[in-house]
Protein backbone atom coordinates (compact mmCIF):
# COMPACT_ATOMS: atom_id res chain seq x y z
CA UNK A 1 -14.80 -13.35 7.52
CA UNK A 2 -17.07 -13.83 4.47
CA UNK A 3 -15.09 -15.51 1.58
CA UNK A 4 -16.47 -14.12 -1.60
CA UNK A 5 -13.50 -15.32 -3.51
CA UNK A 6 -11.65 -18.60 -2.71
CA UNK A 7 -8.53 -20.41 -3.83
CA UNK A 8 -7.34 -17.78 -6.21
CA UNK A 9 -3.84 -18.06 -7.73
CA UNK A 10 -3.34 -14.62 -9.25
CA UNK A 11 0.35 -13.67 -9.90
CA UNK A 12 0.15 -10.25 -8.45
CA UNK A 13 3.85 -9.76 -8.10
CA UNK A 14 4.30 -10.79 -11.67
CA UNK A 15 2.61 -7.47 -12.56
CA UNK A 16 4.99 -5.52 -10.55
CA UNK A 17 6.67 -3.68 -13.38
CA UNK A 18 3.38 -2.32 -14.73
CA UNK A 19 2.34 -1.50 -11.22
CA UNK A 20 5.64 0.44 -10.56
CA UNK A 21 5.22 2.34 -13.81
CA UNK A 22 1.70 3.48 -13.05
CA UNK A 23 2.52 4.26 -9.20
CA UNK A 24 5.58 6.20 -10.30
CA UNK A 25 3.64 8.42 -12.49
CA UNK A 26 0.98 8.89 -9.88
CA UNK A 27 3.64 9.72 -7.27
CA UNK A 28 5.42 12.26 -9.51
CA UNK A 29 2.07 14.00 -10.10
CA UNK A 30 1.50 14.03 -6.41
CA UNK A 31 4.99 15.55 -5.75
CA UNK A 32 4.26 18.29 -8.50
CA UNK A 33 1.02 18.97 -6.66
CA UNK A 34 2.78 19.42 -3.28
CA UNK A 35 5.14 22.01 -4.97
CA UNK A 36 2.08 23.88 -6.44
CA UNK A 37 0.42 23.90 -2.93
CA UNK A 38 3.70 25.19 -1.32
CA UNK A 39 3.88 27.95 -3.82
CA UNK A 40 0.15 28.86 -3.28
CA UNK A 41 -0.78 27.95 -6.89
CA UNK A 42 -3.46 25.33 -5.99
CA UNK A 43 -7.03 25.94 -5.09
CA UNK A 44 -6.52 26.48 -1.52
CA UNK A 45 -9.22 27.04 0.99
CA UNK A 46 -9.17 29.99 3.55
CA UNK A 47 -7.31 27.80 6.07
CA UNK A 48 -4.24 27.73 3.78
CA UNK A 49 -4.74 30.90 1.76
CA UNK A 50 -6.28 33.11 4.20
CA UNK A 51 -9.88 34.60 4.35
CA UNK A 52 -12.86 35.42 6.65
CA UNK A 53 -15.08 33.16 8.55
CA UNK A 54 -18.33 34.62 10.06
CA UNK A 55 -20.87 32.56 12.09
CA UNK A 56 -24.50 33.80 12.13
CA UNK A 57 -27.16 32.78 14.50
CA UNK A 58 -30.87 33.05 13.04
CA UNK A 59 -34.03 33.53 14.90
CA UNK A 60 -35.82 31.00 12.55
CA UNK A 61 -34.46 28.01 10.59
CA UNK A 62 -32.90 28.86 7.14
CA UNK A 63 -32.34 26.89 4.16
CA UNK A 64 -28.64 26.53 3.48
CA UNK A 65 -29.33 25.84 -0.19
CA UNK A 66 -31.35 29.12 -0.48
CA UNK A 67 -28.59 31.10 1.40
CA UNK A 68 -25.94 29.65 -0.89
CA UNK A 69 -27.99 30.54 -4.00
CA UNK A 70 -28.58 34.01 -2.58
CA UNK A 71 -24.75 34.64 -2.03
CA UNK A 72 -23.97 33.40 -5.38
CA UNK A 73 -26.46 35.58 -7.21
CA UNK A 74 -25.18 38.58 -5.21
CA UNK A 75 -21.64 37.98 -6.52
CA UNK A 76 -19.97 36.49 -3.43
CA UNK A 77 -17.44 33.99 -4.72
CA UNK A 78 -15.21 31.28 -3.27
CA UNK A 79 -17.07 30.61 -0.21
CA UNK A 80 -18.50 27.61 1.68
CA UNK A 81 -21.28 27.24 4.19
CA UNK A 82 -21.56 24.89 7.21
CA UNK A 83 -24.95 24.39 8.86
CA UNK A 84 -25.55 23.86 12.58
CA UNK A 85 -29.24 23.09 12.46
CA UNK A 86 -29.80 22.32 16.10
CA UNK A 87 -28.85 25.93 17.13
CA UNK A 88 -29.94 27.61 13.83
CA UNK A 89 -26.52 28.83 13.09
CA UNK A 90 -24.58 28.99 9.68
CA UNK A 91 -20.87 29.15 9.32
CA UNK A 92 -19.81 31.23 6.13
CA UNK A 93 -16.21 31.02 5.06
CA UNK A 94 -14.80 33.18 2.24
CA UNK A 95 -11.29 33.44 0.74
CA UNK A 96 -9.15 36.40 1.05
CA UNK A 97 -9.27 37.50 -2.57
CA UNK A 98 -12.56 39.35 -1.55
CA UNK A 99 -10.90 42.02 0.69
CA UNK A 100 -10.54 40.91 4.22
CA UNK A 101 -12.53 43.04 6.52
CA UNK A 102 -15.09 44.08 3.87
CA UNK A 103 -16.47 40.61 2.95
CA UNK A 104 -18.06 39.99 6.32
CA UNK A 105 -19.98 43.34 5.97
CA UNK A 106 -20.99 42.57 2.55
CA UNK A 107 -22.31 39.21 3.51
CA UNK A 108 -24.40 40.56 6.38
CA UNK A 109 -25.84 43.33 4.18
CA UNK A 110 -26.84 40.69 1.57
CA UNK A 111 -28.52 38.45 4.16
CA UNK A 112 -30.29 41.27 5.88
CA UNK A 113 -31.83 42.29 2.54
CA UNK A 114 -32.75 38.94 1.27
CA UNK A 115 -34.06 37.59 4.58
CA UNK A 116 -35.67 40.54 6.17
CA UNK A 117 -38.12 38.37 8.14
CA UNK A 118 -35.33 36.29 9.71
CA UNK A 119 -33.15 38.35 12.02
CA UNK A 120 -29.74 37.16 12.96
CA UNK A 121 -26.76 38.02 15.17
CA UNK A 122 -23.04 37.71 14.52
CA UNK A 123 -21.64 35.05 16.81
CA UNK A 124 -18.23 35.39 15.75
CA UNK A 125 -16.00 36.72 13.04
CA UNK A 126 -12.57 35.21 12.32
CA UNK A 127 -9.95 36.70 9.86
CA UNK A 128 -7.02 34.59 8.77
CA UNK A 129 -4.15 36.28 6.97
CA UNK A 130 -1.81 34.95 4.30
CA UNK A 131 1.08 34.39 6.84
CA UNK A 132 -1.34 32.34 9.18
CA UNK A 133 -2.47 30.31 6.08
CA UNK A 134 1.14 29.49 5.08
CA UNK A 135 2.05 28.32 8.68
CA UNK A 136 -1.11 26.12 8.64
CA UNK A 137 0.08 24.67 5.41
CA UNK A 138 3.48 23.84 6.90
CA UNK A 139 1.77 22.42 10.01
CA UNK A 140 -0.34 20.15 7.94
CA UNK A 141 2.55 18.93 5.88
CA UNK A 142 4.37 18.16 9.21
CA UNK A 143 1.32 16.28 10.51
CA UNK A 144 1.11 13.91 7.46
CA UNK A 145 4.98 13.55 7.79
CA UNK A 146 5.06 12.62 11.43
CA UNK A 147 1.97 10.28 10.87
CA UNK A 148 3.96 8.43 8.25
CA UNK A 149 7.07 8.27 10.46
CA UNK A 150 4.99 6.77 13.14
CA UNK A 151 3.82 4.13 10.62
CA UNK A 152 7.40 3.34 9.74
CA UNK A 153 8.30 3.02 13.39
CA UNK A 154 5.18 0.86 14.23
CA UNK A 155 5.74 -1.65 11.19
CA UNK A 156 9.52 -1.83 12.08
CA UNK A 157 8.84 -2.81 15.64
CA UNK A 158 5.83 -5.19 14.81
CA UNK A 159 7.48 -6.79 11.66
CA UNK A 160 10.83 -5.79 10.33
CA UNK A 161 12.32 -2.64 8.89
CA UNK A 162 11.93 -4.15 5.43
CA UNK A 163 8.37 -4.39 5.77
CA UNK A 164 8.22 -0.88 7.21
CA UNK A 165 9.83 0.55 3.98
CA UNK A 166 6.95 -1.07 1.90
CA UNK A 167 4.34 0.07 4.13
CA UNK A 168 5.63 3.71 4.32
CA UNK A 169 6.14 3.86 0.54
CA UNK A 170 2.60 2.58 0.11
CA UNK A 171 1.32 5.09 2.47
CA UNK A 172 3.00 8.13 0.81
CA UNK A 173 1.78 6.73 -2.46
CA UNK A 174 -1.82 6.94 -1.44
CA UNK A 175 -1.49 10.42 0.05
CA UNK A 176 0.20 11.68 -3.10
CA UNK A 177 -2.37 9.86 -5.32
CA UNK A 178 -5.31 11.56 -3.76
CA UNK A 179 -3.70 15.00 -3.60
CA UNK A 180 -2.95 14.69 -7.34
CA UNK A 181 -6.60 13.92 -8.34
CA UNK A 182 -7.95 16.73 -6.11
CA UNK A 183 -5.43 19.18 -7.69
CA UNK A 184 -6.30 18.25 -11.33
CA UNK A 185 -9.95 18.28 -10.51
CA UNK A 186 -9.54 21.82 -9.02
CA UNK A 187 -10.79 20.61 -5.75
CA UNK A 188 -10.28 22.89 -2.77
CA UNK A 189 -7.14 22.03 -0.59
CA UNK A 190 -8.22 22.64 2.95
CA UNK A 191 -8.03 21.22 6.50
CA UNK A 192 -10.97 18.83 5.64
CA UNK A 193 -8.68 17.31 2.97
CA UNK A 194 -5.92 16.78 5.43
CA UNK A 195 -8.16 14.98 7.86
CA UNK A 196 -9.17 12.73 4.92
CA UNK A 197 -5.51 12.12 4.05
CA UNK A 198 -4.64 11.14 7.66
CA UNK A 199 -7.74 8.74 7.75
CA UNK A 200 -6.76 7.25 4.43
CA UNK A 201 -3.17 6.66 5.77
CA UNK A 202 -4.54 4.77 8.62
CA UNK A 203 -6.84 2.58 6.50
CA UNK A 204 -4.05 1.88 4.09
CA UNK A 205 -1.86 0.73 6.90
CA UNK A 206 -4.63 -1.49 8.36
CA UNK A 207 -5.02 -3.24 4.94
CA UNK A 208 -1.09 -3.50 4.46
CA UNK A 209 -0.57 -4.86 7.95
CA UNK A 210 -3.11 -7.80 7.14
CA UNK A 211 -1.25 -8.67 4.05
CA UNK A 212 2.21 -8.36 5.77
CA UNK A 213 1.00 -10.45 8.69
CA UNK A 214 0.08 -13.33 6.45
CA UNK A 215 3.28 -13.00 4.55
CA UNK A 216 5.32 -13.11 7.75
CA UNK A 217 3.44 -16.36 9.01
CA UNK A 218 3.96 -18.12 5.47
CA UNK A 219 7.62 -17.06 5.43
CA UNK A 220 8.10 -18.86 8.70
CA UNK A 221 6.37 -22.19 7.65
CA UNK A 222 7.14 -22.28 3.99
CA UNK A 223 11.01 -22.24 4.32
CA UNK A 224 11.88 -23.99 1.04
CA UNK A 225 9.61 -22.11 -1.33
CA UNK A 226 10.63 -18.85 -3.10
CA UNK A 227 9.90 -15.54 -1.35
CA UNK A 228 8.06 -14.27 -4.31
CA UNK A 229 5.87 -17.45 -4.37
CA UNK A 230 5.08 -17.12 -0.58
CA UNK A 231 4.12 -13.33 -1.10
CA UNK A 232 1.72 -14.26 -3.90
CA UNK A 233 0.20 -17.01 -1.85
CA UNK A 234 -0.31 -14.68 1.03
CA UNK A 235 -2.02 -11.98 -0.95
CA UNK A 236 -4.35 -14.47 -2.42
CA UNK A 237 -5.17 -15.89 0.92
CA UNK A 238 -6.32 -12.53 2.13
CA UNK A 239 -7.70 -11.25 -0.99
CA UNK A 240 -11.24 -11.90 -0.02
CA UNK A 241 -10.75 -10.12 3.26
CA UNK A 242 -9.22 -7.18 1.44
CA UNK A 243 -12.18 -7.04 -0.98
CA UNK A 244 -14.94 -7.30 1.67
CA UNK A 245 -13.37 -4.57 3.77
CA UNK A 246 -12.65 -2.26 1.00
CA UNK A 247 -16.19 -2.77 -0.38
CA UNK A 248 -17.78 -2.04 2.90
CA UNK A 249 -15.91 1.23 3.41
CA UNK A 250 -16.51 2.12 -0.23
CA UNK A 251 -20.19 1.74 0.27
CA UNK A 252 -20.14 4.03 3.33
CA UNK A 253 -18.07 6.70 1.45
CA UNK A 254 -20.49 6.66 -1.53
CA UNK A 255 -23.45 7.07 0.85
CA UNK A 256 -21.69 10.12 2.17
CA UNK A 257 -20.77 11.46 -1.28
CA UNK A 258 -24.41 11.29 -2.64
CA UNK A 259 -26.41 11.87 0.52
CA UNK A 260 -24.13 13.60 3.02
CA UNK A 261 -24.52 17.10 1.72
CA UNK A 262 -22.07 19.57 0.11
CA UNK A 263 -20.29 20.25 3.35
CA UNK A 264 -18.97 16.66 3.49
CA UNK A 265 -18.71 16.11 -0.38
CA UNK A 266 -14.87 16.64 -0.75
CA UNK A 267 -14.12 14.51 2.35
CA UNK A 268 -16.28 11.46 1.11
CA UNK A 269 -14.72 12.05 -2.46
CA UNK A 270 -11.26 11.72 -0.81
CA UNK A 271 -12.12 8.73 1.04
CA UNK A 272 -13.46 7.05 -2.01
CA UNK A 273 -10.28 7.71 -3.92
CA UNK A 274 -8.22 6.68 -0.92
CA UNK A 275 -10.19 3.27 -0.48
CA UNK A 276 -9.43 2.47 -4.25
CA UNK A 277 -5.78 3.61 -4.28
CA UNK A 278 -5.17 2.08 -0.80
CA UNK A 279 -6.42 -1.23 -1.71
CA UNK A 280 -4.44 -1.27 -4.94
CA UNK A 281 -1.27 -0.09 -3.07
CA UNK A 282 -1.45 -2.71 -0.38
CA UNK A 283 -1.20 -5.33 -3.07
CA UNK A 284 0.73 -3.79 -5.87
CA UNK A 285 3.03 -1.41 -4.03
CA UNK A 286 3.75 -2.49 -0.50
CA UNK A 287 4.60 -6.09 -1.02
CA UNK A 288 6.57 -5.53 -4.29
CA UNK A 289 8.67 -2.95 -2.44
CA UNK A 290 9.37 -5.60 0.33
CA UNK A 291 10.22 -8.19 -2.61
CA UNK A 292 12.56 -5.54 -4.07
CA UNK A 293 14.45 -5.49 -0.75
CA UNK A 294 14.63 -9.14 -0.56
CA UNK A 295 16.19 -9.59 -3.91
CA UNK A 296 19.05 -7.42 -2.70
CA UNK A 297 19.48 -9.48 0.40
CA UNK A 298 17.73 -7.35 2.87
CA UNK A 299 14.89 -9.28 3.73
CA UNK A 300 15.78 -12.32 5.69
CA UNK A 301 13.49 -15.20 6.76
CA UNK A 302 12.88 -15.81 10.47
CA UNK A 303 12.02 -19.09 11.81
C-alpha cells in the first residue's frame, strides 16, 4: 500500500470528547430526520410517497435535457427522468400530488405536442399509492436495520462483541449523518438513496475492520502498554491506508457527481458524504466506543 503519511503520532483518542459532541449532534439530527420521514414530512420520492411511473419508447433518439425542459415549462412538477439510450426509452416518474391517473395522460399529451415528429408508444404505466409507499418506507428501514444487525454479528464473530458495538454505532452514525444532510438540503428520499446508504454501510464496515484488525494485533503483542496508547498507535499505523482508500473512492464519487448525469447525481452525493463521514467515524467513533467499553472493564485482552 502506498504510504503517503509515515510515522504519525496523532492523539486521535485524546479528541474523543469533541468527536462525541459533534457525532451526538449529527446522530440526533439524523433521528429527527427518520421521524420526519416516517411521518411523511420529508421530500419523499414516488417510491415512498406514491406516484406514477410511465415508460415511453420513441422512434428516434430524444434529448433527455430537452424533454426535462419541456415538461417543466408545461407545468409538470416533482418528476424525474431516466434514460435508456440503447433502446430509445425514457422512464418518467411523477409524485402523487399531481392526481394519480391523470398525470400520465398529461405527460403523453405534452410530449405529443412538443415532439410531433418523434412518435412514441407507452411501454408500461405503474401507479404507486400512498399505502404502497408507506410499506416501502417500512421495508427500507428494515433493510438498513437487518444490514446493521448483520454487521454486529459479523464483527462479534471475527473480533469480539466489544468491537462489534463500536462498528455498529459507527455504521448507524454514518447512515444518520447522510440522511440528516439530505433532509436539510431538501433532497429527495427514495430507493436510490437507500441503495447508497447500504453501500456506505459496507464501506464504513470495511474501513473500521482494518482499524480493528490492527488494534487486535497490537493488543496481543503490546501487553504492558495502556489500551488507549495501543489504539492510538494502531490508528496511526493504518492512517495512510485509510486516506489512500478514502481518497480513491472520493475521486470516483466526485467524477460521478460532476459527469454522471442528473439521474445518478443524488447517489453520488450520498457516496461523497458517506466516504467523508465514514472515514471520520472509523477513527473518531468506532475506536473511542471500544475504548469506552474497555474503561468499564468490558474489553479484555487476549493473548
